[in-house]
Amino acid sequence: MEKSCGVVLFNEQKVLLLQYATGQKEGEWDLQGHWDFPKGHVDKGETEIETATRELEEETGIKNIILLDNFRKTINYKIQKRDRKISKEVVFFIATTVETEINLSHEHVDYGWFDFTSALKQLTYDNARSVLSEAIIFYGKN
C-alpha cells in the first residue's frame, strides 16, 4: 500500500486547492489534471504530520501555518500503476495560514484560494469533497 499525507489549508473563509499535472510532454509537466489538496508520499522515518507539512511547503512555498489539533481524516482508494492496481491511503490534517502567495511546484499547473462552496465544486473527486466537508465543519467549530 502507498501512503501519502496532506493538508486542508484555510485562510479565513478560503481553502487552497492545487491543480495537478497529469503527464509530461517534451520533459515538462503541462497537461492539466485533477484538483485536490497539497499532499505527497511519506518519506522513510517521517511522521504523518511531518510529511503533510513538508509536502505543503514543497508544493506551495507556504511555511507559516498553524495545525489544528484533533483532525485526522483518512481516505483509501486504488490507483493504476502500469499494469496493476495499488491501494493508496491518504491522511489529511487541517492548518490555517495568513500567507496567500503561492510558489507553485513543477508538479502542478494551477492553484486557487476558493470559498467553501466553490471549492466543493472545484474538487475533482468525491472523497476529497468528503474530506473538505468534514474539515469545514471542524474549522467552523475551532
N, C-alpha and C. Protein backbone atom coordinates (compact mmCIF):
# COMPACT_ATOMS: atom_id res chain seq x y z
N MET A 1 0.84 -1.18 0.00
CA MET A 1 0.00 0.00 0.00
C MET A 1 0.89 1.25 0.00
N GLU A 2 0.53 2.21 -0.81
CA GLU A 2 1.20 3.50 -0.81
C GLU A 2 0.51 4.40 0.21
N LYS A 3 1.31 5.28 0.83
CA LYS A 3 0.74 6.19 1.80
C LYS A 3 1.20 7.61 1.51
N SER A 4 0.25 8.54 1.57
CA SER A 4 0.54 9.96 1.41
C SER A 4 -0.14 10.71 2.54
N CYS A 5 0.33 11.94 2.77
CA CYS A 5 -0.29 12.81 3.77
C CYS A 5 -0.41 14.20 3.18
N GLY A 6 -1.45 14.93 3.60
CA GLY A 6 -1.68 16.25 3.05
C GLY A 6 -2.35 17.18 4.04
N VAL A 7 -2.58 18.40 3.55
CA VAL A 7 -3.13 19.46 4.38
C VAL A 7 -4.32 20.10 3.68
N VAL A 8 -5.41 20.25 4.43
CA VAL A 8 -6.51 21.11 4.01
C VAL A 8 -6.16 22.47 4.63
N LEU A 9 -5.78 23.42 3.78
CA LEU A 9 -5.25 24.70 4.26
C LEU A 9 -6.27 25.81 4.11
N PHE A 10 -6.61 26.41 5.25
CA PHE A 10 -7.57 27.51 5.28
C PHE A 10 -6.86 28.84 5.47
N ASN A 11 -7.40 29.86 4.82
CA ASN A 11 -7.01 31.24 5.05
C ASN A 11 -8.33 31.99 5.20
N GLU A 12 -8.71 32.23 6.45
CA GLU A 12 -10.02 32.79 6.79
C GLU A 12 -11.11 31.92 6.18
N GLN A 13 -11.91 32.46 5.26
CA GLN A 13 -13.03 31.68 4.70
C GLN A 13 -12.71 31.14 3.31
N LYS A 14 -11.43 30.87 3.06
CA LYS A 14 -10.99 30.31 1.77
C LYS A 14 -10.16 29.06 2.04
N VAL A 15 -10.12 28.20 1.04
CA VAL A 15 -9.32 26.97 1.13
C VAL A 15 -8.47 26.85 -0.13
N LEU A 16 -7.25 26.35 0.04
CA LEU A 16 -6.31 26.23 -1.07
C LEU A 16 -6.49 24.90 -1.79
N LEU A 17 -6.62 24.97 -3.12
CA LEU A 17 -6.65 23.78 -3.96
C LEU A 17 -5.58 23.91 -5.03
N LEU A 18 -4.99 22.78 -5.39
CA LEU A 18 -3.97 22.74 -6.42
C LEU A 18 -4.47 21.90 -7.59
N GLN A 19 -4.11 22.33 -8.80
CA GLN A 19 -4.41 21.52 -9.97
C GLN A 19 -3.15 20.75 -10.34
N TYR A 20 -3.27 19.45 -10.31
CA TYR A 20 -2.14 18.56 -10.55
C TYR A 20 -1.91 18.37 -12.04
N ALA A 21 -0.64 18.24 -12.42
CA ALA A 21 -0.30 17.87 -13.79
C ALA A 21 -0.56 16.38 -13.96
N THR A 22 -0.87 15.96 -15.17
CA THR A 22 -1.18 14.54 -15.38
C THR A 22 -0.13 13.81 -16.19
N GLY A 23 0.77 14.51 -16.83
CA GLY A 23 1.76 13.82 -17.63
C GLY A 23 2.82 14.77 -18.14
N GLN A 24 3.73 14.22 -18.90
CA GLN A 24 4.82 15.02 -19.43
C GLN A 24 4.73 15.11 -20.95
N LYS A 25 5.13 16.27 -21.44
CA LYS A 25 5.23 16.48 -22.88
C LYS A 25 6.56 17.17 -23.11
N GLU A 26 7.45 16.51 -23.79
CA GLU A 26 8.78 17.04 -24.05
C GLU A 26 9.49 17.44 -22.75
N GLY A 27 9.34 16.62 -21.70
CA GLY A 27 10.06 16.83 -20.46
C GLY A 27 9.46 17.84 -19.50
N GLU A 28 8.33 18.45 -19.87
CA GLU A 28 7.72 19.42 -18.98
C GLU A 28 6.33 18.95 -18.57
N TRP A 29 5.99 19.17 -17.31
CA TRP A 29 4.65 18.86 -16.83
C TRP A 29 3.72 19.95 -17.33
N ASP A 30 2.79 19.60 -18.20
CA ASP A 30 1.93 20.64 -18.70
C ASP A 30 0.51 20.20 -18.99
N LEU A 31 0.19 18.98 -18.74
CA LEU A 31 -1.16 18.51 -19.00
C LEU A 31 -2.02 18.66 -17.75
N GLN A 32 -3.10 19.39 -17.90
CA GLN A 32 -3.92 19.72 -16.74
C GLN A 32 -4.67 18.50 -16.22
N GLY A 33 -4.64 18.36 -14.89
CA GLY A 33 -5.27 17.21 -14.27
C GLY A 33 -6.25 17.60 -13.18
N HIS A 34 -6.38 16.75 -12.22
CA HIS A 34 -7.38 16.90 -11.18
C HIS A 34 -7.04 18.01 -10.18
N TRP A 35 -8.08 18.49 -9.49
CA TRP A 35 -7.94 19.47 -8.41
C TRP A 35 -8.00 18.74 -7.08
N ASP A 36 -7.08 19.07 -6.19
CA ASP A 36 -7.00 18.38 -4.90
C ASP A 36 -6.24 19.26 -3.92
N PHE A 37 -6.01 18.72 -2.74
CA PHE A 37 -5.25 19.41 -1.69
C PHE A 37 -3.76 19.12 -1.85
N PRO A 38 -2.91 19.97 -1.27
CA PRO A 38 -1.47 19.66 -1.25
C PRO A 38 -1.24 18.36 -0.48
N LYS A 39 -0.49 17.43 -1.09
CA LYS A 39 -0.24 16.14 -0.44
C LYS A 39 0.91 15.44 -1.15
N GLY A 40 1.47 14.44 -0.47
CA GLY A 40 2.54 13.68 -1.11
C GLY A 40 2.96 12.48 -0.28
N HIS A 41 3.87 11.70 -0.85
CA HIS A 41 4.32 10.45 -0.25
C HIS A 41 5.11 10.65 1.03
N VAL A 42 4.93 9.72 1.94
CA VAL A 42 5.67 9.69 3.19
C VAL A 42 7.10 9.23 2.91
N ASP A 43 8.07 10.02 3.38
CA ASP A 43 9.47 9.61 3.29
C ASP A 43 9.82 8.75 4.50
N LYS A 44 10.78 7.86 4.33
CA LYS A 44 11.18 6.97 5.41
C LYS A 44 11.56 7.77 6.65
N GLY A 45 11.01 7.36 7.79
CA GLY A 45 11.32 7.99 9.06
C GLY A 45 10.48 9.21 9.41
N GLU A 46 9.62 9.65 8.49
CA GLU A 46 8.78 10.82 8.75
C GLU A 46 7.49 10.43 9.48
N THR A 47 7.01 11.35 10.30
CA THR A 47 5.67 11.19 10.85
C THR A 47 4.67 11.68 9.80
N GLU A 48 3.41 11.39 10.01
CA GLU A 48 2.37 11.85 9.08
C GLU A 48 2.34 13.37 9.01
N ILE A 49 2.44 14.03 10.15
CA ILE A 49 2.39 15.49 10.17
C ILE A 49 3.63 16.08 9.51
N GLU A 50 4.78 15.47 9.73
CA GLU A 50 6.00 15.95 9.05
C GLU A 50 5.85 15.85 7.54
N THR A 51 5.28 14.75 7.07
CA THR A 51 5.06 14.58 5.63
C THR A 51 4.11 15.65 5.11
N ALA A 52 2.99 15.82 5.79
CA ALA A 52 1.98 16.79 5.33
C ALA A 52 2.55 18.20 5.25
N THR A 53 3.29 18.63 6.28
CA THR A 53 3.82 19.99 6.28
C THR A 53 4.97 20.15 5.28
N ARG A 54 5.79 19.11 5.12
CA ARG A 54 6.87 19.16 4.12
C ARG A 54 6.28 19.27 2.72
N GLU A 55 5.30 18.45 2.43
CA GLU A 55 4.68 18.48 1.11
C GLU A 55 4.00 19.83 0.84
N LEU A 56 3.35 20.38 1.86
CA LEU A 56 2.74 21.71 1.70
C LEU A 56 3.79 22.73 1.30
N GLU A 57 4.91 22.73 2.00
CA GLU A 57 5.98 23.69 1.69
C GLU A 57 6.57 23.44 0.31
N GLU A 58 6.82 22.18 -0.03
CA GLU A 58 7.41 21.87 -1.34
C GLU A 58 6.48 22.25 -2.49
N GLU A 59 5.18 22.04 -2.30
CA GLU A 59 4.24 22.25 -3.39
C GLU A 59 3.73 23.68 -3.49
N THR A 60 3.83 24.46 -2.38
CA THR A 60 3.25 25.81 -2.39
C THR A 60 4.20 26.90 -1.92
N GLY A 61 5.26 26.52 -1.21
CA GLY A 61 6.16 27.51 -0.61
C GLY A 61 5.68 28.02 0.74
N ILE A 62 4.51 27.59 1.18
CA ILE A 62 3.96 28.08 2.45
C ILE A 62 4.57 27.33 3.62
N LYS A 63 5.15 28.09 4.56
CA LYS A 63 5.78 27.53 5.77
C LYS A 63 5.02 27.94 7.03
N ASN A 64 4.46 29.14 7.01
CA ASN A 64 3.85 29.74 8.20
C ASN A 64 2.42 29.23 8.37
N ILE A 65 2.29 28.12 9.10
CA ILE A 65 0.97 27.53 9.31
C ILE A 65 0.75 27.24 10.79
N ILE A 66 -0.51 27.09 11.13
CA ILE A 66 -0.90 26.62 12.46
C ILE A 66 -1.76 25.37 12.24
N LEU A 67 -1.27 24.23 12.71
CA LEU A 67 -2.04 22.99 12.61
C LEU A 67 -3.13 22.99 13.67
N LEU A 68 -4.32 22.57 13.29
CA LEU A 68 -5.42 22.44 14.25
C LEU A 68 -5.40 21.03 14.82
N ASP A 69 -5.46 20.94 16.12
CA ASP A 69 -5.43 19.64 16.79
C ASP A 69 -6.71 18.87 16.56
N ASN A 70 -6.60 17.56 16.66
CA ASN A 70 -7.73 16.63 16.69
C ASN A 70 -8.50 16.49 15.39
N PHE A 71 -7.86 16.80 14.26
CA PHE A 71 -8.46 16.49 12.97
C PHE A 71 -7.47 15.61 12.21
N ARG A 72 -7.92 14.43 11.87
CA ARG A 72 -7.14 13.48 11.06
C ARG A 72 -8.14 12.65 10.27
N LYS A 73 -8.19 12.88 8.98
CA LYS A 73 -9.15 12.19 8.12
C LYS A 73 -8.39 11.34 7.12
N THR A 74 -8.75 10.07 7.03
CA THR A 74 -8.09 9.13 6.12
C THR A 74 -9.05 8.72 5.01
N ILE A 75 -8.52 8.71 3.79
CA ILE A 75 -9.28 8.15 2.67
C ILE A 75 -8.44 7.04 2.03
N ASN A 76 -9.12 6.11 1.41
CA ASN A 76 -8.46 4.99 0.73
C ASN A 76 -9.06 4.83 -0.65
N TYR A 77 -8.20 4.52 -1.61
CA TYR A 77 -8.66 4.26 -2.97
C TYR A 77 -7.59 3.48 -3.71
N LYS A 78 -7.89 3.10 -4.93
CA LYS A 78 -6.93 2.35 -5.75
C LYS A 78 -6.44 3.24 -6.89
N ILE A 79 -5.15 3.10 -7.23
CA ILE A 79 -4.58 3.82 -8.36
C ILE A 79 -3.99 2.81 -9.33
N GLN A 80 -3.96 3.18 -10.59
CA GLN A 80 -3.39 2.33 -11.62
C GLN A 80 -1.92 2.67 -11.78
N LYS A 81 -1.07 1.68 -11.63
CA LYS A 81 0.37 1.85 -11.88
C LYS A 81 0.78 0.80 -12.88
N ARG A 82 1.05 1.26 -14.07
CA ARG A 82 1.39 0.37 -15.18
C ARG A 82 0.27 -0.66 -15.37
N ASP A 83 0.55 -1.92 -15.09
CA ASP A 83 -0.43 -2.97 -15.35
C ASP A 83 -1.14 -3.48 -14.10
N ARG A 84 -1.02 -2.74 -12.99
CA ARG A 84 -1.68 -3.25 -11.77
C ARG A 84 -2.30 -2.11 -10.97
N LYS A 85 -3.26 -2.50 -10.14
CA LYS A 85 -3.90 -1.55 -9.24
C LYS A 85 -3.24 -1.63 -7.88
N ILE A 86 -2.99 -0.46 -7.29
CA ILE A 86 -2.33 -0.38 -5.99
C ILE A 86 -3.24 0.35 -5.02
N SER A 87 -3.34 -0.16 -3.80
CA SER A 87 -4.11 0.52 -2.76
C SER A 87 -3.34 1.74 -2.28
N LYS A 88 -4.07 2.81 -2.04
CA LYS A 88 -3.46 4.05 -1.57
C LYS A 88 -4.25 4.57 -0.38
N GLU A 89 -3.50 5.03 0.63
CA GLU A 89 -4.10 5.66 1.80
C GLU A 89 -3.57 7.08 1.87
N VAL A 90 -4.47 8.04 2.08
CA VAL A 90 -4.06 9.43 2.23
C VAL A 90 -4.65 9.96 3.53
N VAL A 91 -3.79 10.55 4.36
CA VAL A 91 -4.19 11.12 5.63
C VAL A 91 -4.12 12.64 5.52
N PHE A 92 -5.22 13.30 5.90
CA PHE A 92 -5.28 14.76 5.83
C PHE A 92 -5.37 15.39 7.21
N PHE A 93 -4.72 16.54 7.33
CA PHE A 93 -4.78 17.37 8.53
C PHE A 93 -5.30 18.75 8.12
N ILE A 94 -5.68 19.55 9.10
CA ILE A 94 -6.13 20.92 8.84
C ILE A 94 -5.10 21.88 9.38
N ALA A 95 -4.85 22.94 8.60
CA ALA A 95 -3.99 24.02 9.05
C ALA A 95 -4.57 25.34 8.57
N THR A 96 -4.14 26.40 9.26
CA THR A 96 -4.51 27.75 8.84
C THR A 96 -3.23 28.52 8.53
N THR A 97 -3.38 29.55 7.72
CA THR A 97 -2.25 30.41 7.38
C THR A 97 -2.75 31.82 7.09
N VAL A 98 -1.85 32.77 7.21
CA VAL A 98 -2.15 34.13 6.77
C VAL A 98 -1.49 34.39 5.41
N GLU A 99 -0.63 33.48 4.98
CA GLU A 99 0.03 33.61 3.69
C GLU A 99 -0.97 33.35 2.56
N THR A 100 -0.85 34.09 1.48
CA THR A 100 -1.72 33.85 0.32
C THR A 100 -0.92 33.67 -0.96
N GLU A 101 0.34 34.09 -0.96
CA GLU A 101 1.15 33.96 -2.16
C GLU A 101 1.68 32.53 -2.27
N ILE A 102 1.54 31.97 -3.45
CA ILE A 102 1.91 30.58 -3.69
C ILE A 102 3.09 30.52 -4.65
N ASN A 103 4.08 29.68 -4.31
CA ASN A 103 5.18 29.38 -5.21
C ASN A 103 4.95 27.94 -5.68
N LEU A 104 4.22 27.81 -6.77
CA LEU A 104 3.73 26.52 -7.24
C LEU A 104 4.86 25.61 -7.71
N SER A 105 4.82 24.34 -7.29
CA SER A 105 5.84 23.36 -7.70
C SER A 105 5.64 22.94 -9.15
N HIS A 106 6.63 22.27 -9.69
CA HIS A 106 6.56 21.78 -11.07
C HIS A 106 5.51 20.68 -11.25
N GLU A 107 5.03 20.12 -10.15
CA GLU A 107 4.04 19.05 -10.22
C GLU A 107 2.63 19.57 -10.49
N HIS A 108 2.47 20.89 -10.46
CA HIS A 108 1.14 21.48 -10.56
C HIS A 108 1.09 22.51 -11.68
N VAL A 109 -0.12 22.72 -12.19
CA VAL A 109 -0.29 23.67 -13.29
C VAL A 109 -1.12 24.88 -12.90
N ASP A 110 -1.82 24.82 -11.75
CA ASP A 110 -2.63 25.95 -11.32
C ASP A 110 -2.97 25.78 -9.85
N TYR A 111 -3.48 26.84 -9.26
CA TYR A 111 -3.95 26.81 -7.87
C TYR A 111 -5.01 27.88 -7.70
N GLY A 112 -5.70 27.81 -6.59
CA GLY A 112 -6.66 28.86 -6.26
C GLY A 112 -7.03 28.81 -4.81
N TRP A 113 -7.36 30.00 -4.27
CA TRP A 113 -7.96 30.12 -2.95
C TRP A 113 -9.46 30.24 -3.21
N PHE A 114 -10.22 29.23 -2.81
CA PHE A 114 -11.64 29.15 -3.14
C PHE A 114 -12.49 29.31 -1.89
N ASP A 115 -13.65 30.00 -2.04
CA ASP A 115 -14.62 29.97 -0.94
C ASP A 115 -15.12 28.52 -0.84
N PHE A 116 -15.75 28.20 0.28
CA PHE A 116 -16.07 26.80 0.56
C PHE A 116 -16.98 26.17 -0.50
N THR A 117 -18.00 26.90 -0.93
CA THR A 117 -18.93 26.36 -1.93
C THR A 117 -18.22 26.11 -3.25
N SER A 118 -17.40 27.07 -3.68
CA SER A 118 -16.66 26.91 -4.93
C SER A 118 -15.65 25.78 -4.85
N ALA A 119 -15.00 25.64 -3.69
CA ALA A 119 -14.01 24.57 -3.51
C ALA A 119 -14.67 23.20 -3.63
N LEU A 120 -15.84 23.06 -3.03
CA LEU A 120 -16.54 21.77 -3.12
C LEU A 120 -16.87 21.42 -4.57
N LYS A 121 -17.18 22.43 -5.38
CA LYS A 121 -17.47 22.20 -6.80
C LYS A 121 -16.18 21.97 -7.60
N GLN A 122 -15.10 22.63 -7.21
CA GLN A 122 -13.84 22.57 -7.96
C GLN A 122 -13.12 21.23 -7.78
N LEU A 123 -13.20 20.66 -6.59
CA LEU A 123 -12.52 19.38 -6.33
C LEU A 123 -12.99 18.32 -7.31
N THR A 124 -12.08 17.53 -7.80
CA THR A 124 -12.38 16.54 -8.82
C THR A 124 -13.07 15.29 -8.25
N TYR A 125 -12.62 14.85 -7.08
CA TYR A 125 -13.07 13.55 -6.58
C TYR A 125 -14.00 13.68 -5.36
N ASP A 126 -14.96 12.75 -5.30
CA ASP A 126 -15.92 12.75 -4.20
C ASP A 126 -15.24 12.57 -2.84
N ASN A 127 -14.19 11.73 -2.77
CA ASN A 127 -13.56 11.51 -1.47
C ASN A 127 -12.88 12.80 -0.98
N ALA A 128 -12.38 13.63 -1.88
CA ALA A 128 -11.80 14.92 -1.49
C ALA A 128 -12.91 15.87 -1.03
N ARG A 129 -14.06 15.83 -1.69
CA ARG A 129 -15.20 16.65 -1.25
C ARG A 129 -15.65 16.24 0.16
N SER A 130 -15.62 14.94 0.42
CA SER A 130 -15.98 14.45 1.75
C SER A 130 -15.02 14.97 2.81
N VAL A 131 -13.71 14.93 2.51
CA VAL A 131 -12.70 15.46 3.42
C VAL A 131 -12.97 16.94 3.68
N LEU A 132 -13.20 17.70 2.61
CA LEU A 132 -13.42 19.13 2.77
C LEU A 132 -14.69 19.43 3.56
N SER A 133 -15.75 18.69 3.31
CA SER A 133 -16.99 18.90 4.06
C SER A 133 -16.76 18.72 5.56
N GLU A 134 -16.05 17.66 5.93
CA GLU A 134 -15.75 17.43 7.35
C GLU A 134 -14.81 18.51 7.89
N ALA A 135 -13.84 18.93 7.08
CA ALA A 135 -12.89 19.94 7.50
C ALA A 135 -13.57 21.29 7.73
N ILE A 136 -14.51 21.65 6.86
CA ILE A 136 -15.24 22.91 7.02
C ILE A 136 -16.00 22.93 8.34
N ILE A 137 -16.67 21.83 8.65
CA ILE A 137 -17.42 21.74 9.91
C ILE A 137 -16.48 21.87 11.10
N PHE A 138 -15.37 21.12 11.05
CA PHE A 138 -14.39 21.16 12.13
C PHE A 138 -13.80 22.57 12.27
N TYR A 139 -13.42 23.17 11.17
CA TYR A 139 -12.84 24.51 11.15
C TYR A 139 -13.81 25.54 11.75
N GLY A 140 -15.08 25.40 11.43
CA GLY A 140 -16.10 26.33 11.93
C GLY A 140 -16.28 26.25 13.44
N LYS A 141 -15.94 25.12 14.02
CA LYS A 141 -16.10 24.94 15.47
C LYS A 141 -14.85 25.35 16.25
N ASN A 142 -13.76 25.69 15.55
CA ASN A 142 -12.49 25.99 16.23
C ASN A 142 -12.04 27.41 16.03
